[in-house]
């Protein structure tokens, strides 16, 4: 477990720049343009994680993290603060360790503490499931493969870019399959 509290007197933030002409005809932020400036902010947060050897070959894990931040210059939430997040996982790996199979369930709470004056958008919560496995082939070669977001959940991360035409956040890519190989010498 860990936790922290921090007050920053040189927090990089944005302030409206009404005297600057936008470089693009499309608005990048909700009300722009902006310029970078030093400001003050306060942050609190924490995280916790644990794992248990349920059986000699089966490990269960859990983790959670939370961050709260306030930009004292705008009296709004700090830009880019992640919402409450938690993971539950199971990993099966025989004692000889030649292969493993792992599943992770990730839940993210809605983020309604958004710096809307700076163009950040509130996001909804989501639950995703990832599966992966790996195999030690031998001679220094190992392979890993799996699928992220197995259920193809449509969700938006709080830091996602916005569609410049609709000003809506671009969702995460959905279900992604991956396969990789590594050689160690």
Protein backbone atom coordinates (compact mmCIF):
# COMPACT_ATOMS: atom_id res chain seq x y z
CA UNK A 1 0.00 0.00 0.00
CA UNK A 2 1.14 3.53 -0.60
CA UNK A 3 -0.38 6.98 -0.35
CA UNK A 4 0.68 10.55 -0.85
CA UNK A 5 -0.36 14.17 -0.52
CA UNK A 6 1.35 16.86 -2.56
CA UNK A 7 1.04 20.62 -2.94
CA UNK A 8 2.78 21.99 -6.05
CA UNK A 9 3.60 25.66 -6.34
CA UNK A 10 5.04 25.28 -9.85
CA UNK A 11 2.28 23.16 -11.39
CA UNK A 12 2.21 23.57 -15.17
CA UNK A 13 -1.33 24.49 -16.15
CA UNK A 14 -3.15 26.32 -18.90
CA UNK A 15 -4.77 29.72 -18.86
CA UNK A 16 -7.00 31.36 -21.46
CA UNK A 17 -5.14 33.45 -24.06
CA UNK A 18 -7.87 35.61 -25.63
CA UNK A 19 -5.22 37.85 -27.23
CA UNK A 20 -3.86 34.95 -29.37
CA UNK A 21 -5.38 34.01 -32.72
CA UNK A 22 -5.97 30.25 -33.13
CA UNK A 23 -3.60 28.59 -35.60
CA UNK A 24 -6.35 26.29 -36.84
CA UNK A 25 -9.88 27.17 -37.80
CA UNK A 26 -11.12 24.30 -35.61
CA UNK A 27 -11.22 24.64 -31.81
CA UNK A 28 -8.81 22.24 -30.12
CA UNK A 29 -10.15 22.98 -26.64
CA UNK A 30 -13.67 23.78 -25.52
CA UNK A 31 -12.81 27.47 -25.14
CA UNK A 32 -9.37 28.23 -26.58
CA UNK A 33 -6.76 29.15 -27.30
CA UNK A 34 -4.68 28.62 -24.15
CA UNK A 35 -1.11 29.21 -23.04
CA UNK A 36 1.02 27.29 -20.55
CA UNK A 37 1.61 28.97 -17.20
CA UNK A 38 2.87 28.11 -13.71
CA UNK A 39 0.18 27.65 -11.10
CA UNK A 40 -0.54 25.79 -7.88
CA UNK A 41 -2.28 22.48 -7.36
CA UNK A 42 -2.99 19.96 -4.63
CA UNK A 43 -3.00 16.19 -5.15
CA UNK A 44 -3.91 13.20 -2.96
CA UNK A 45 -3.72 9.59 -3.97
CA UNK A 46 -2.96 6.03 -3.10
CA UNK A 47 -2.63 2.54 -4.41
CA UNK A 48 -2.76 -0.95 -2.99
CA UNK A 49 -1.96 -4.36 -4.41
CA UNK A 50 -1.85 -7.91 -3.12
CA UNK A 51 -1.28 -11.39 -4.49
CA UNK A 52 -1.99 -14.81 -3.01
CA UNK A 53 -0.67 -18.24 -3.90
CA UNK A 54 -4.06 -20.00 -3.93
CA UNK A 55 -2.41 -23.24 -5.06
CA UNK A 56 1.22 -23.97 -5.98
CA UNK A 57 0.37 -23.25 -9.63
CA UNK A 58 -2.39 -20.65 -9.19
CA UNK A 59 -1.89 -17.04 -8.09
CA UNK A 60 -4.68 -14.53 -7.50
CA UNK A 61 -4.00 -10.78 -7.48
CA UNK A 62 -5.88 -7.57 -6.80
CA UNK A 63 -4.93 -3.91 -7.09
CA UNK A 64 -6.59 -0.52 -6.84
CA UNK A 65 -5.49 3.08 -7.35
CA UNK A 66 -7.04 6.49 -6.81
CA UNK A 67 -5.91 10.04 -7.53
CA UNK A 68 -7.57 13.33 -6.63
CA UNK A 69 -6.22 16.65 -7.86
CA UNK A 70 -7.34 20.28 -7.81
CA UNK A 71 -5.93 23.14 -9.88
CA UNK A 72 -6.02 26.08 -7.47
CA UNK A 73 -5.64 28.62 -10.29
CA UNK A 74 -8.86 27.58 -12.06
CA UNK A 75 -10.56 26.16 -8.92
CA UNK A 76 -11.36 23.05 -10.96
CA UNK A 77 -10.10 19.47 -11.00
CA UNK A 78 -6.50 19.15 -12.20
CA UNK A 79 -6.02 18.24 -15.85
CA UNK A 80 -5.43 14.55 -16.63
CA UNK A 81 -6.31 13.02 -13.25
CA UNK A 82 -7.15 9.32 -13.58
CA UNK A 83 -10.37 7.92 -12.07
CA UNK A 84 -10.60 5.17 -9.44
CA UNK A 85 -9.33 1.94 -10.96
CA UNK A 86 -9.08 -1.69 -9.85
CA UNK A 87 -7.83 -5.02 -11.24
CA UNK A 88 -8.50 -8.65 -10.33
CA UNK A 89 -6.28 -11.33 -11.85
CA UNK A 90 -5.65 -15.06 -11.92
CA UNK A 91 -2.42 -16.63 -13.21
CA UNK A 92 -1.85 -20.34 -13.70
CA UNK A 93 1.81 -21.33 -14.04
CA UNK A 94 3.03 -24.86 -13.31
CA UNK A 95 6.02 -25.13 -10.93
CA UNK A 96 8.44 -25.90 -13.79
CA UNK A 97 7.45 -22.51 -15.30
CA UNK A 98 7.54 -23.44 -19.00
CA UNK A 99 4.20 -21.75 -19.71
CA UNK A 100 1.51 -19.62 -18.10
CA UNK A 101 -2.07 -18.48 -18.68
CA UNK A 102 -3.36 -15.25 -17.14
CA UNK A 103 -6.66 -13.39 -17.01
CA UNK A 104 -7.20 -9.84 -15.73
CA UNK A 105 -10.49 -8.08 -15.09
CA UNK A 106 -10.05 -4.29 -14.99
CA UNK A 107 -12.73 -1.90 -13.73
CA UNK A 108 -12.54 1.88 -14.08
CA UNK A 109 -15.00 4.24 -12.39
CA UNK A 110 -16.60 7.15 -14.21
CA UNK A 111 -14.56 10.35 -14.13
CA UNK A 112 -16.80 13.31 -13.44
CA UNK A 113 -13.97 15.39 -11.96
CA UNK A 114 -12.84 16.73 -15.33
CA UNK A 115 -11.10 20.04 -16.07
CA UNK A 116 -13.87 21.05 -18.43
CA UNK A 117 -12.74 24.68 -18.76
CA UNK A 118 -9.52 23.29 -20.29
CA UNK A 119 -11.35 20.97 -22.69
CA UNK A 120 -11.28 17.74 -20.69
CA UNK A 121 -14.45 15.67 -20.92
CA UNK A 122 -16.04 13.51 -18.20
CA UNK A 123 -15.83 9.78 -18.99
CA UNK A 124 -18.02 6.82 -18.12
CA UNK A 125 -16.85 3.79 -16.22
CA UNK A 126 -15.89 0.54 -17.89
CA UNK A 127 -15.02 -3.09 -17.23
CA UNK A 128 -12.66 -5.00 -19.53
CA UNK A 129 -11.20 -8.52 -19.57
CA UNK A 130 -7.71 -9.36 -20.83
CA UNK A 131 -6.36 -12.88 -21.45
CA UNK A 132 -2.77 -13.80 -22.24
CA UNK A 133 -0.43 -16.73 -22.16
CA UNK A 134 3.22 -17.44 -22.65
CA UNK A 135 5.44 -20.38 -23.49
CA UNK A 136 9.17 -20.96 -23.01
CA UNK A 137 10.06 -22.75 -26.25
CA UNK A 138 13.68 -23.39 -25.22
CA UNK A 139 17.09 -22.24 -26.43
CA UNK A 140 16.32 -18.73 -25.13
CA UNK A 141 13.12 -18.37 -27.19
CA UNK A 142 9.82 -17.48 -25.54
CA UNK A 143 6.45 -16.57 -27.00
CA UNK A 144 3.53 -14.58 -25.62
CA UNK A 145 0.09 -13.94 -27.03
CA UNK A 146 -3.39 -12.96 -26.01
CA UNK A 147 -6.27 -10.59 -26.37
CA UNK A 148 -6.95 -7.29 -24.62
CA UNK A 149 -10.53 -6.13 -24.11
CA UNK A 150 -11.89 -9.60 -24.92
CA UNK A 151 -15.53 -8.45 -24.60
CA UNK A 152 -14.93 -5.56 -27.06
CA UNK A 153 -16.17 -2.99 -24.54
CA UNK A 154 -16.58 0.52 -25.97
CA UNK A 155 -14.89 2.94 -23.54
CA UNK A 156 -12.96 6.19 -23.40
CA UNK A 157 -9.81 6.78 -21.38
CA UNK A 158 -9.69 10.17 -19.63
CA UNK A 159 -6.60 11.15 -21.68
CA UNK A 160 -7.93 10.16 -25.12
CA UNK A 161 -7.61 12.66 -27.93
CA UNK A 162 -10.72 14.36 -29.25
CA UNK A 163 -12.19 14.19 -32.71
CA UNK A 164 -11.38 17.71 -33.98
CA UNK A 165 -14.69 17.96 -35.87
CA UNK A 166 -17.15 16.61 -33.29
CA UNK A 167 -15.13 17.51 -30.15
CA UNK A 168 -15.91 14.07 -28.72
CA UNK A 169 -13.23 11.78 -27.23
CA UNK A 170 -11.97 9.03 -29.54
CA UNK A 171 -12.70 5.63 -27.94
CA UNK A 172 -10.10 2.96 -27.25
CA UNK A 173 -9.53 0.52 -30.14
CA UNK A 174 -11.66 -2.33 -28.75
CA UNK A 175 -10.62 -5.98 -28.92
CA UNK A 176 -6.91 -6.37 -29.79
CA UNK A 177 -5.09 -9.64 -30.45
CA UNK A 178 -1.33 -9.80 -30.01
CA UNK A 179 1.46 -12.31 -30.50
CA UNK A 180 5.14 -11.83 -29.80
CA UNK A 181 8.39 -13.73 -29.59
CA UNK A 182 11.54 -12.93 -27.64
CA UNK A 183 15.06 -14.30 -27.75
CA UNK A 184 17.43 -13.92 -24.82
CA UNK A 185 21.09 -14.65 -25.17
